[in-house]
Protein backbone atom coordinates (compact mmCIF):
# COMPACT_ATOMS: atom_id res chain seq x y z
CA MET A 1 -0.41 15.29 32.32
CA ASN A 2 2.35 16.33 30.29
CA ALA A 3 2.39 16.12 26.35
CA THR A 4 5.49 16.09 24.03
CA ALA A 5 5.82 18.42 21.11
CA LEU A 6 4.50 15.75 18.74
CA HIS A 7 1.34 14.86 20.58
CA ASP A 8 -1.05 16.44 18.43
CA TRP A 9 0.62 14.89 15.53
CA HIS A 10 0.30 11.27 17.28
CA VAL A 11 -3.58 12.23 17.84
CA ALA A 12 -4.02 13.14 14.41
CA ALA A 13 -2.56 10.09 13.24
CA GLY A 14 -5.04 7.97 15.12
CA ALA A 15 -2.56 6.86 17.91
CA LYS A 16 -3.83 5.05 21.01
CA MET A 17 -2.64 7.32 23.80
CA ALA A 18 -2.30 6.55 27.39
CA ALA A 19 -0.57 7.91 30.41
CA PHE A 20 3.21 6.67 30.90
CA ALA A 21 5.50 8.50 33.26
CA GLY A 22 3.36 11.55 33.54
CA TYR A 23 3.22 12.10 29.54
CA ASP A 24 0.26 11.25 27.27
CA MET A 25 2.12 9.03 24.88
CA PRO A 26 1.32 7.01 21.97
CA ILE A 27 0.87 3.18 22.48
CA SER A 28 0.37 2.38 19.02
CA TYR A 29 -1.18 3.48 15.88
CA PRO A 30 -4.00 1.83 13.57
CA THR A 31 -1.38 -0.39 11.86
CA GLY A 32 -1.13 -2.15 15.44
CA ALA A 33 1.42 -2.90 17.87
CA VAL A 34 2.52 -6.05 15.98
CA GLU A 35 2.95 -4.64 12.66
CA GLU A 36 4.82 -1.74 14.07
CA HIS A 37 7.18 -4.26 15.79
CA LEU A 38 7.89 -6.14 12.51
CA ALA A 39 8.08 -3.10 10.70
CA CYS A 40 11.16 -1.95 12.83
CA ARG A 41 12.66 -5.27 12.31
CA ARG A 42 12.39 -5.25 8.49
CA SER A 43 13.10 -1.64 7.81
CA VAL A 44 12.52 1.81 9.89
CA GLY A 45 10.65 2.77 12.81
CA LEU A 46 10.41 6.35 14.41
CA PHE A 47 10.17 6.54 18.21
CA ASP A 48 8.91 9.69 19.97
CA VAL A 49 10.96 9.39 23.38
CA ALA A 50 10.81 13.03 24.32
CA HIS A 51 9.52 12.04 27.55
CA MET A 52 12.83 10.31 28.80
CA GLY A 53 15.25 12.41 30.79
CA ARG A 54 18.42 14.27 29.56
CA ILE A 55 20.83 15.61 32.16
CA GLU A 56 24.04 17.74 31.45
CA LEU A 57 27.01 17.23 33.65
CA SER A 58 30.00 19.58 33.19
CA GLY A 59 32.75 21.26 35.21
CA PRO A 60 36.54 20.02 36.38
CA ALA A 61 35.08 17.37 38.58
CA ALA A 62 32.37 16.19 36.26
CA GLU A 63 34.51 12.86 35.12
CA SER A 64 35.57 11.89 38.51
CA PHE A 65 32.25 12.50 40.04
CA LEU A 66 30.39 10.52 37.16
CA SER A 67 32.97 7.43 37.48
CA ALA A 68 32.23 7.10 41.12
CA LEU A 69 28.45 7.53 40.78
CA VAL A 70 27.60 4.74 37.97
CA SER A 71 28.80 1.20 37.48
CA SER A 72 30.41 1.41 34.20
CA SER A 73 33.83 2.71 32.83
CA ILE A 74 33.61 6.37 32.47
CA LEU A 75 37.56 7.55 33.10
CA GLY A 76 38.97 7.89 29.71
CA MET A 77 35.76 8.08 27.46
CA LYS A 78 36.90 10.02 24.55
CA THR A 79 34.49 13.00 22.92
CA GLY A 80 31.82 11.20 20.98
CA ASP A 81 31.91 7.87 23.15
CA ALA A 82 28.59 6.59 24.36
CA ARG A 83 28.16 3.71 27.09
CA TYR A 84 25.53 1.97 28.92
CA ALA A 85 25.59 2.38 32.51
CA LEU A 86 23.62 1.71 35.89
CA LEU A 87 22.93 3.98 38.64
CA LEU A 88 23.03 1.93 41.95
CA ASN A 89 21.77 2.56 45.32
CA GLU A 90 24.07 1.82 48.31
CA GLU A 91 22.40 -1.71 48.74
CA GLY A 92 23.47 -2.40 44.93
CA GLY A 93 20.01 -2.05 44.05
CA VAL A 94 19.33 -0.53 40.13
CA LEU A 95 17.89 2.96 40.77
CA ASP A 96 17.95 3.22 36.84
CA ASP A 97 19.88 2.32 33.87
CA LEU A 98 21.33 5.12 31.72
CA PHE A 99 23.24 6.17 28.70
CA VAL A 100 25.93 8.33 28.96
CA TYR A 101 27.41 10.48 26.11
CA ARG A 102 30.71 11.98 26.38
CA LEU A 103 30.39 15.48 24.47
CA ALA A 104 33.14 18.11 23.86
CA SER A 105 33.14 19.59 27.43
CA SER A 106 30.46 17.63 29.23
CA TYR A 107 28.30 14.57 29.73
CA LEU A 108 24.96 13.99 28.79
CA VAL A 109 23.14 11.44 30.68
CA VAL A 110 19.93 9.79 29.32
CA ALA A 111 17.60 8.52 32.17
CA ASN A 112 14.19 6.67 31.89
CA ALA A 113 11.19 8.84 31.90
CA SER A 114 9.86 7.67 35.05
CA ASN A 115 12.93 8.04 36.97
CA ARG A 116 13.93 11.48 35.64
CA GLU A 117 13.06 13.50 38.75
CA ALA A 118 14.34 10.92 41.24
CA ASP A 119 17.71 10.50 39.34
CA LEU A 120 18.34 14.30 39.31
CA ALA A 121 17.65 14.41 43.18
CA TRP A 122 19.96 11.42 43.76
CA ILE A 123 22.73 13.06 41.72
CA ASN A 124 22.30 16.15 43.41
CA SER A 125 22.53 14.72 46.68
CA ARG A 126 25.91 13.55 45.92
CA ALA A 127 27.31 16.44 43.83
CA GLU A 128 30.26 18.33 45.26
CA GLY A 129 32.37 21.50 44.02
CA GLY A 130 33.17 21.42 40.36
CA VAL A 131 30.24 19.55 39.03
CA GLU A 132 27.13 21.51 37.42
CA LEU A 133 24.31 19.69 36.60
CA VAL A 134 21.43 21.12 34.42
CA ASP A 135 18.35 19.24 33.28
CA ARG A 136 18.05 19.69 29.55
CA SER A 137 14.80 17.75 29.37
CA GLU A 138 12.32 20.31 28.40
CA GLU A 139 14.47 22.54 26.05
CA SER A 140 15.87 19.51 24.21
CA TYR A 141 14.11 16.82 22.33
CA MET A 142 14.55 13.06 21.48
CA ILE A 143 13.73 10.85 18.51
CA ALA A 144 14.85 7.21 18.02
CA VAL A 145 15.45 6.22 14.42
CA GLN A 146 15.79 2.41 14.44
CA GLY A 147 15.69 -0.45 12.06
CA PRO A 148 18.11 -2.28 9.54
CA ALA A 149 17.44 0.71 6.88
CA ALA A 150 17.88 3.38 9.61
CA ILE A 151 21.44 4.26 8.84
CA ALA A 152 20.39 4.21 5.10
CA LEU A 153 17.57 6.70 5.79
CA LEU A 154 19.79 9.11 7.97
CA ASP A 155 22.73 8.97 5.33
CA ARG A 156 20.21 10.45 2.70
CA LEU A 157 19.71 13.33 5.05
CA SER A 158 23.16 13.83 6.14
CA GLU A 159 25.05 13.35 2.91
CA GLY A 160 26.42 9.97 4.27
CA ALA A 161 27.60 11.05 7.59
CA ALA A 162 25.69 8.64 9.63
CA SER A 163 27.08 5.47 8.39
CA ALA A 164 30.50 6.89 9.35
CA VAL A 165 29.72 6.93 13.12
CA PRO A 166 30.73 3.53 14.92
CA ARG A 167 28.17 1.68 17.01
CA PHE A 168 28.10 3.35 20.43
CA SER A 169 29.21 6.60 19.55
CA SER A 170 28.07 9.89 18.69
CA THR A 171 28.70 13.08 16.64
CA ARG A 172 27.01 16.33 15.39
CA LEU A 173 24.89 15.96 12.13
CA LYS A 174 22.78 18.24 10.11
CA LEU A 175 19.50 16.71 9.06
CA GLY A 176 17.73 19.10 6.81
CA GLY A 177 17.82 22.34 8.40
CA THR A 178 18.33 20.90 11.95
CA GLU A 179 21.43 20.37 13.66
CA VAL A 180 21.29 17.18 15.85
CA LEU A 181 23.48 15.09 18.17
CA PHE A 182 23.23 11.60 16.75
CA GLY A 183 24.13 8.89 18.91
CA ARG A 184 24.51 5.64 17.21
CA THR A 185 22.43 4.05 20.06
CA GLY A 186 19.15 2.47 20.74
CA TYR A 187 17.16 -0.09 22.53
CA THR A 188 15.42 -2.20 20.27
CA GLY A 189 18.08 -4.76 19.02
CA GLU A 190 18.28 -3.19 15.79
CA ASP A 191 20.90 -0.55 14.13
CA GLY A 192 19.91 2.91 13.86
CA GLY A 193 20.47 6.22 16.35
CA GLU A 194 18.92 8.17 18.62
CA LEU A 195 18.69 12.10 18.01
CA PHE A 196 19.06 15.13 20.09
CA PHE A 197 18.08 18.43 19.02
CA PRO A 198 16.17 21.75 20.26
CA ALA A 199 12.43 20.98 21.26
CA GLU A 200 11.14 23.48 18.73
CA ARG A 201 12.42 21.56 15.77
CA ALA A 202 10.65 18.50 16.69
CA LEU A 203 7.72 18.51 14.38
CA ASP A 204 9.78 19.57 11.37
CA LEU A 205 12.27 17.03 11.80
CA TRP A 206 9.80 14.09 12.40
CA ARG A 207 7.82 15.12 9.07
CA LEU A 208 11.25 15.24 7.27
CA LEU A 209 12.18 11.60 8.18
CA LEU A 210 8.75 10.20 7.22
CA ASP A 211 8.79 12.32 3.89
CA GLU A 212 12.36 11.18 3.02
CA GLY A 213 11.52 7.63 3.90
CA ARG A 214 8.42 7.99 1.52
CA SER A 215 10.31 9.58 -1.31
CA ALA A 216 13.31 6.90 -1.16
CA GLY A 217 10.85 4.04 -1.01
CA ILE A 218 12.26 3.04 2.48
CA GLU A 219 9.29 1.85 4.53
CA THR A 220 9.28 4.14 7.78
CA LEU A 221 6.47 4.01 10.40
CA PRO A 222 5.86 5.74 13.61
CA ILE A 223 6.17 3.00 16.64
CA GLY A 224 4.23 3.45 19.90
CA LEU A 225 5.19 2.16 23.29
CA ALA A 226 3.68 -1.26 23.06
CA ALA A 227 6.07 -2.35 20.27
CA ARG A 228 8.90 -0.52 21.79
CA ASP A 229 8.48 -2.90 24.77
CA SER A 230 8.13 -6.01 22.80
CA LEU A 231 11.09 -4.94 20.71
CA ARG A 232 13.46 -4.57 23.62
CA PHE A 233 12.22 -7.79 25.38
CA GLU A 234 13.03 -9.82 22.42
CA ALA A 235 16.44 -8.41 22.34
CA GLY A 236 17.19 -9.12 25.94
CA MET A 237 17.13 -5.53 27.22
CA SER A 238 16.04 -4.69 30.68
CA LEU A 239 13.25 -2.37 31.66
CA HIS A 240 13.38 -0.45 34.77
CA GLY A 241 10.46 -1.37 37.33
CA HIS A 242 10.37 -4.74 35.44
CA GLU A 243 13.70 -6.73 35.06
CA ILE A 244 15.38 -4.07 37.06
CA SER A 245 14.67 -1.87 40.04
CA ALA A 246 15.87 -0.68 43.32
CA SER A 247 15.20 -3.97 44.90
CA VAL A 248 16.95 -6.06 42.27
CA ASN A 249 20.77 -5.86 41.71
CA PRO A 250 23.06 -6.29 38.33
CA LEU A 251 24.02 -9.66 39.32
CA GLU A 252 20.86 -11.03 39.71
CA ALA A 253 19.72 -9.32 36.40
CA GLY A 254 22.40 -10.67 34.34
CA LEU A 255 24.06 -7.10 34.21
CA LYS A 256 27.49 -8.15 35.68
CA TRP A 257 28.96 -6.73 32.34
CA ALA A 258 27.80 -3.32 32.79
CA CYS A 259 29.79 -3.18 36.24
CA ASP A 260 33.53 -2.32 36.38
CA PHE A 261 34.76 -3.77 39.45
CA SER A 262 38.29 -2.37 38.80
CA LYS A 263 37.09 1.14 40.07
CA ASP A 264 34.89 2.30 43.18
CA PHE A 265 31.40 3.09 42.45
CA VAL A 266 28.26 3.44 44.66
CA GLY A 267 26.84 -0.03 45.30
CA LYS A 268 30.08 -2.03 44.45
CA ALA A 269 30.49 -3.19 48.23
CA ALA A 270 26.92 -4.59 48.40
CA LEU A 271 27.53 -6.15 44.97
CA GLU A 272 30.68 -7.88 46.11
CA ARG A 273 28.85 -9.25 49.43
CA ALA A 274 25.88 -10.57 47.35
CA ALA A 275 28.28 -12.40 45.17
CA ALA A 276 30.40 -13.95 47.97
CA GLU A 277 27.12 -14.88 49.65
CA GLY A 278 25.62 -16.41 46.61
CA LEU A 279 22.59 -15.29 44.74
CA LYS A 280 19.23 -16.21 45.81
CA ARG A 281 17.54 -15.76 42.53
CA LYS A 282 18.39 -15.07 38.81
CA LEU A 283 16.73 -13.66 35.82
CA ALA A 284 15.38 -16.29 33.71
CA CYS A 285 13.57 -16.18 30.07
CA LEU A 286 10.79 -18.60 29.69
CA ASP A 287 9.17 -20.02 26.58
CA VAL A 288 5.70 -20.45 27.60
CA THR A 289 3.12 -22.66 25.72
CA GLY A 290 -0.86 -22.18 25.87
CA GLY A 291 -1.17 -18.67 27.02
CA VAL A 292 0.23 -15.18 27.37
CA PRO A 293 2.25 -14.87 30.52
CA ARG A 294 1.93 -11.41 32.30
CA GLU A 295 3.85 -9.41 35.04
CA GLY A 296 2.97 -10.87 38.48
CA TYR A 297 2.21 -14.48 37.28
CA GLU A 298 3.44 -17.30 39.59
CA VAL A 299 6.23 -19.57 38.43
CA VAL A 300 6.23 -22.90 39.55
CA ALA A 301 8.39 -25.99 40.11
CA PRO A 302 8.63 -29.14 37.84
CA SER A 303 7.01 -31.23 40.16
CA ALA A 304 4.16 -29.04 41.13
CA ALA A 305 3.59 -27.95 37.63
CA ARG A 306 3.08 -31.66 36.43
CA ALA A 307 0.75 -32.32 39.29
CA ARG A 308 -1.31 -29.05 38.54
CA ALA A 309 -1.37 -29.27 34.74
CA GLY A 310 -4.62 -28.30 33.66
CA GLU A 311 -6.17 -27.77 36.99
CA GLY A 312 -6.88 -24.70 39.47
CA PRO A 313 -4.44 -24.36 42.30
CA SER A 314 -5.19 -27.32 44.64
CA GLU A 315 -6.60 -26.39 47.92
CA GLY A 316 -3.75 -26.61 50.61
CA ALA A 317 -0.95 -26.69 48.00
CA PRO A 318 2.36 -26.23 49.57
CA SER A 319 4.02 -22.73 49.18
CA ALA A 320 7.09 -24.36 48.12
CA ALA A 321 5.66 -24.92 44.76
CA ARG A 322 6.20 -21.43 43.82
CA VAL A 323 9.75 -20.80 42.61
CA GLY A 324 9.54 -17.41 41.13
CA ILE A 325 7.49 -14.61 39.63
CA CYS A 326 7.29 -13.20 36.00
CA VAL A 327 8.27 -9.55 35.60
CA SER A 328 7.64 -9.19 32.19
CA GLY A 329 5.53 -11.19 29.37
CA MET A 330 4.03 -11.17 26.35
CA PHE A 331 3.81 -12.16 22.47
CA CYS A 332 7.14 -11.79 20.74
CA PRO A 333 6.25 -11.00 17.00
CA THR A 334 9.67 -11.79 15.49
CA VAL A 335 9.99 -15.18 17.17
CA ALA A 336 6.38 -15.88 17.27
CA LYS A 337 6.48 -17.09 20.86
CA TYR A 338 4.74 -16.15 24.15
CA ALA A 339 7.53 -15.61 26.58
CA ALA A 340 8.34 -14.20 29.95
CA ASN A 341 11.33 -12.82 32.08
CA ALA A 342 11.17 -14.16 35.56
CA PHE A 343 13.24 -14.14 38.68
CA VAL A 344 13.78 -17.84 39.76
CA GLU A 345 15.86 -19.70 42.09
CA PRO A 346 19.45 -19.89 40.63
CA SER A 347 19.15 -23.80 40.33
CA LEU A 348 16.26 -23.48 38.04
CA ALA A 349 17.72 -20.62 35.76
CA ALA A 350 19.46 -22.94 33.24
CA PRO A 351 18.48 -23.10 29.56
CA GLY A 352 16.29 -26.22 29.19
CA THR A 353 14.93 -26.24 32.86
CA GLU A 354 11.20 -27.34 32.69
CA LEU A 355 8.81 -25.06 34.74
CA GLY A 356 5.23 -23.81 34.74
CA VAL A 357 3.50 -20.51 34.67
CA MET A 358 0.01 -19.78 36.23
CA ILE A 359 -2.18 -18.47 33.87
CA ARG A 360 -5.86 -17.72 34.84
CA GLU A 361 -5.38 -20.53 37.70
CA LYS A 362 -4.21 -22.92 35.12
CA MET A 363 -0.60 -24.15 34.86
CA ARG A 364 1.08 -23.62 31.45
CA PRO A 365 4.25 -25.34 30.54
CA ALA A 366 7.17 -23.08 30.26
CA VAL A 367 11.00 -23.91 29.34
CA VAL A 368 13.93 -21.77 30.27
CA VAL A 369 15.54 -20.52 27.00
CA LYS A 370 18.82 -18.68 26.46
CA ARG A 371 18.37 -14.67 26.29
CA PRO A 372 17.87 -12.97 24.00
CA LEU A 373 15.23 -14.24 21.99
CA TYR A 374 16.45 -11.88 19.13
CA VAL A 375 20.20 -11.50 18.70
CA PRO A 376 20.52 -7.75 17.97
CA ALA A 377 21.59 -7.12 14.50
CA TYR A 378 24.83 -5.24 15.63
CA ARG A 379 26.14 -8.49 17.54
CA ARG A 380 25.64 -10.96 14.58
């Protein structure tokens, strides 16, 4: 089991720890996941996300290579630009979703923790001359600072430089005695940023952020992975292994906007075929009444839902009753709803469609609602 540089701090703070992507990570603190979620929505949350992968690409062919590898527009990115991108296989399935940062003479690719080694192998298998790959995951560190007061907190430590950085861009800042790459990005639906810096500075910077919040009267709390999941879910952001995976393509997952069809990229031809043939499933968000929907729970059609309301699955029930499956589900603290993301037949994915979710052998009413449940602050 791997441990981040902040592991002992998390344990001393009373965090509930659990294995995630090969790391012993904080799931929640004594404040509880719901309160952590709400604290990030109202002020500032700090996230130890050092388990994520950080891969640097450089060399004269790095730009063209990366452009052909990922779905998003890469050519023409200026120094400081940051972009969400998808890494696809030849069948159009999502191997990972990434953030790409254009640095002065290279690209920083941030990958999901559970996919770090697989992403490296996939990229290396396609690398040609003129491209150099270096895994920076161990020598560097990553902390996310998210929430409506996050930029104010960072401004106090950077003499106002953080607020001058446009959304989805990056720059070098000095926070206290630590030089960081500050990306005004994140995965919570809130403003703020992600900090990249040498791993040996992790504890000092973490404490500095907490101390500065305390002295400034800015509520600043550490946030575990449970609240990180509910924050991204409410904001309509996908999680690999759930809304996206190697067996799910971006069109099914509502991520066509992250694909630049004006250029060539791995998986493009498969996506064009899928679009021409018609999708067989689409991702839908369900507002569920009467129970907590979880990954793997069955979604049933309206007629079957009405027939089975309050009953266990009837003997000999037709298999056609099932029209989808939940891939994520939880209580959403900001909007006070039980909700799930599920893949359903395309004809049933429109908002307002009445469905049902089988929870502990009972049908619970559900209705398709528009994603996201919580509109990200920077999109309002």
